């Protein structure tokens, strides 16, 4: 359930940032996307990757 919420949040944030960037200059779009990636997308994406990895390691599955 939590993983689904994170995926929905990521998609929602990316669509909002895309809509905010419409009609802006390339420089402004890069600034908006850079800030969004650093503050919102990177932490959520790292959590999304870390949870299944931690679960897999806790269960003793090795690869």
N, C-alpha and C. Protein backbone atom coordinates (compact mmCIF):
# COMPACT_ATOMS: atom_id res chain seq x y z
N UNK A 1 0.82 -1.19 0.00
CA UNK A 1 0.00 0.00 0.00
C UNK A 1 0.87 1.26 0.00
N UNK A 2 1.89 1.26 0.83
CA UNK A 2 2.76 2.44 0.91
C UNK A 2 3.53 2.63 -0.39
N UNK A 3 3.93 1.54 -1.01
CA UNK A 3 4.68 1.65 -2.26
C UNK A 3 3.77 2.24 -3.35
N UNK A 4 2.54 1.83 -3.37
CA UNK A 4 1.58 2.39 -4.33
C UNK A 4 1.36 3.88 -4.12
N UNK A 5 1.30 4.29 -2.86
CA UNK A 5 1.13 5.71 -2.56
C UNK A 5 2.33 6.52 -3.02
N UNK A 6 3.52 5.96 -2.86
CA UNK A 6 4.72 6.66 -3.31
C UNK A 6 4.73 6.79 -4.83
N UNK A 7 4.35 5.74 -5.52
CA UNK A 7 4.31 5.79 -6.98
C UNK A 7 3.29 6.83 -7.45
N UNK A 8 2.12 6.85 -6.83
CA UNK A 8 1.10 7.83 -7.19
C UNK A 8 1.60 9.24 -6.89
N UNK A 9 2.26 9.42 -5.75
CA UNK A 9 2.81 10.73 -5.40
C UNK A 9 3.85 11.19 -6.41
N UNK A 10 4.74 10.28 -6.81
CA UNK A 10 5.75 10.63 -7.80
C UNK A 10 5.10 11.05 -9.13
N UNK A 11 4.13 10.29 -9.57
CA UNK A 11 3.45 10.64 -10.82
C UNK A 11 2.71 11.97 -10.71
N UNK A 12 2.08 12.20 -9.58
CA UNK A 12 1.36 13.45 -9.36
C UNK A 12 2.32 14.64 -9.34
N UNK A 13 3.42 14.52 -8.63
CA UNK A 13 4.41 15.60 -8.57
C UNK A 13 4.98 15.89 -9.95
N UNK A 14 5.31 14.83 -10.68
CA UNK A 14 5.88 15.04 -12.01
C UNK A 14 4.89 15.70 -12.95
N UNK A 15 3.62 15.35 -12.86
CA UNK A 15 2.62 15.99 -13.73
C UNK A 15 2.40 17.45 -13.33
N UNK A 16 2.41 17.74 -12.04
CA UNK A 16 2.25 19.13 -11.59
C UNK A 16 3.42 19.98 -12.05
N UNK A 17 4.63 19.46 -11.89
CA UNK A 17 5.81 20.21 -12.32
C UNK A 17 5.80 20.41 -13.84
N UNK A 18 5.36 19.40 -14.57
CA UNK A 18 5.25 19.54 -16.02
C UNK A 18 4.29 20.67 -16.38
N UNK A 19 3.14 20.72 -15.70
CA UNK A 19 2.16 21.77 -15.98
C UNK A 19 2.69 23.14 -15.58
N UNK A 20 3.43 23.23 -14.49
CA UNK A 20 4.01 24.50 -14.07
C UNK A 20 5.02 24.99 -15.11
N UNK A 21 5.75 24.07 -15.72
CA UNK A 21 6.79 24.44 -16.67
C UNK A 21 6.29 24.81 -18.05
N UNK A 22 5.02 24.57 -18.33
CA UNK A 22 4.50 24.91 -19.65
C UNK A 22 4.58 26.41 -19.89
N UNK A 23 5.13 26.78 -21.03
CA UNK A 23 5.20 28.19 -21.38
C UNK A 23 6.36 28.94 -20.76
N UNK A 24 7.20 28.27 -20.01
CA UNK A 24 8.36 28.91 -19.37
C UNK A 24 9.58 28.74 -20.26
N UNK A 25 10.60 29.54 -20.00
CA UNK A 25 11.83 29.41 -20.77
C UNK A 25 12.55 28.12 -20.37
N UNK A 26 13.51 27.72 -21.20
CA UNK A 26 14.24 26.48 -20.93
C UNK A 26 15.01 26.58 -19.61
N UNK A 27 15.58 27.75 -19.33
CA UNK A 27 16.33 27.96 -18.10
C UNK A 27 15.42 27.79 -16.87
N UNK A 28 14.23 28.37 -16.94
CA UNK A 28 13.28 28.27 -15.82
C UNK A 28 12.82 26.83 -15.63
N UNK A 29 12.57 26.12 -16.74
CA UNK A 29 12.18 24.72 -16.64
C UNK A 29 13.26 23.89 -15.98
N UNK A 30 14.51 24.14 -16.35
CA UNK A 30 15.62 23.39 -15.75
C UNK A 30 15.73 23.67 -14.26
N UNK A 31 15.52 24.91 -13.86
CA UNK A 31 15.58 25.26 -12.44
C UNK A 31 14.44 24.58 -11.68
N UNK A 32 13.24 24.63 -12.22
CA UNK A 32 12.07 24.01 -11.57
C UNK A 32 12.28 22.51 -11.45
N UNK A 33 12.70 21.85 -12.54
CA UNK A 33 12.90 20.40 -12.50
C UNK A 33 14.05 20.03 -11.57
N UNK A 34 15.12 20.82 -11.56
CA UNK A 34 16.25 20.52 -10.69
C UNK A 34 15.87 20.57 -9.23
N UNK A 35 15.15 21.60 -8.84
CA UNK A 35 14.70 21.72 -7.44
C UNK A 35 13.75 20.59 -7.09
N UNK A 36 12.83 20.28 -8.00
CA UNK A 36 11.87 19.20 -7.75
C UNK A 36 12.57 17.85 -7.62
N UNK A 37 13.54 17.60 -8.46
CA UNK A 37 14.26 16.33 -8.38
C UNK A 37 15.00 16.21 -7.07
N UNK A 38 15.67 17.28 -6.65
CA UNK A 38 16.45 17.23 -5.41
C UNK A 38 15.58 17.12 -4.16
N UNK A 39 14.47 17.84 -4.14
CA UNK A 39 13.68 17.92 -2.91
C UNK A 39 12.60 16.84 -2.82
N UNK A 40 12.00 16.47 -3.95
CA UNK A 40 10.86 15.56 -3.90
C UNK A 40 11.16 14.20 -4.53
N UNK A 41 11.61 14.19 -5.75
CA UNK A 41 11.70 12.94 -6.50
C UNK A 41 12.81 12.03 -5.98
N UNK A 42 13.99 12.57 -5.72
CA UNK A 42 15.11 11.73 -5.28
C UNK A 42 14.84 11.02 -3.95
N UNK A 43 14.34 11.72 -2.92
CA UNK A 43 14.05 10.99 -1.67
C UNK A 43 12.97 9.91 -1.82
N UNK A 44 11.91 10.22 -2.57
CA UNK A 44 10.85 9.24 -2.75
C UNK A 44 11.33 8.05 -3.57
N UNK A 45 12.11 8.33 -4.60
CA UNK A 45 12.62 7.24 -5.43
C UNK A 45 13.61 6.37 -4.66
N UNK A 46 14.45 6.98 -3.84
CA UNK A 46 15.38 6.18 -3.05
C UNK A 46 14.63 5.32 -2.03
N UNK A 47 13.57 5.86 -1.44
CA UNK A 47 12.76 5.07 -0.52
C UNK A 47 12.11 3.92 -1.26
N UNK A 48 11.62 4.20 -2.47
CA UNK A 48 10.96 3.17 -3.27
C UNK A 48 11.91 2.04 -3.62
N UNK A 49 13.18 2.33 -3.79
CA UNK A 49 14.17 1.30 -4.08
C UNK A 49 14.64 0.61 -2.80
N UNK A 50 14.77 1.35 -1.71
CA UNK A 50 15.32 0.80 -0.47
C UNK A 50 14.38 -0.17 0.24
N UNK A 51 13.09 0.09 0.20
CA UNK A 51 12.14 -0.77 0.92
C UNK A 51 12.15 -2.20 0.38
N UNK A 52 11.99 -2.42 -0.93
CA UNK A 52 12.06 -3.81 -1.41
C UNK A 52 13.43 -4.45 -1.19
N UNK A 53 14.49 -3.66 -1.30
CA UNK A 53 15.83 -4.20 -1.07
C UNK A 53 15.99 -4.65 0.39
N UNK A 54 15.56 -3.80 1.31
CA UNK A 54 15.63 -4.16 2.73
C UNK A 54 14.77 -5.37 3.05
N UNK A 55 13.60 -5.43 2.48
CA UNK A 55 12.71 -6.57 2.70
C UNK A 55 13.36 -7.85 2.18
N UNK A 56 13.98 -7.76 1.02
CA UNK A 56 14.63 -8.92 0.44
C UNK A 56 15.79 -9.39 1.31
N UNK A 57 16.59 -8.48 1.83
CA UNK A 57 17.72 -8.83 2.68
C UNK A 57 17.24 -9.39 4.02
N UNK A 58 16.17 -8.86 4.55
CA UNK A 58 15.64 -9.34 5.83
C UNK A 58 15.14 -10.77 5.71
N UNK A 59 14.61 -11.11 4.54
CA UNK A 59 14.08 -12.45 4.33
C UNK A 59 15.20 -13.46 4.05
N UNK A 60 16.42 -12.99 3.92
CA UNK A 60 17.55 -13.90 3.71
C UNK A 60 17.77 -14.31 2.29
N UNK A 61 17.18 -13.59 1.37
CA UNK A 61 17.37 -13.90 -0.05
C UNK A 61 18.64 -13.23 -0.52
N UNK A 62 19.53 -14.01 -1.08
CA UNK A 62 20.80 -13.45 -1.52
C UNK A 62 20.89 -13.49 -3.02
N UNK A 63 21.62 -12.52 -3.52
CA UNK A 63 21.84 -12.50 -4.96
C UNK A 63 23.13 -11.82 -5.26
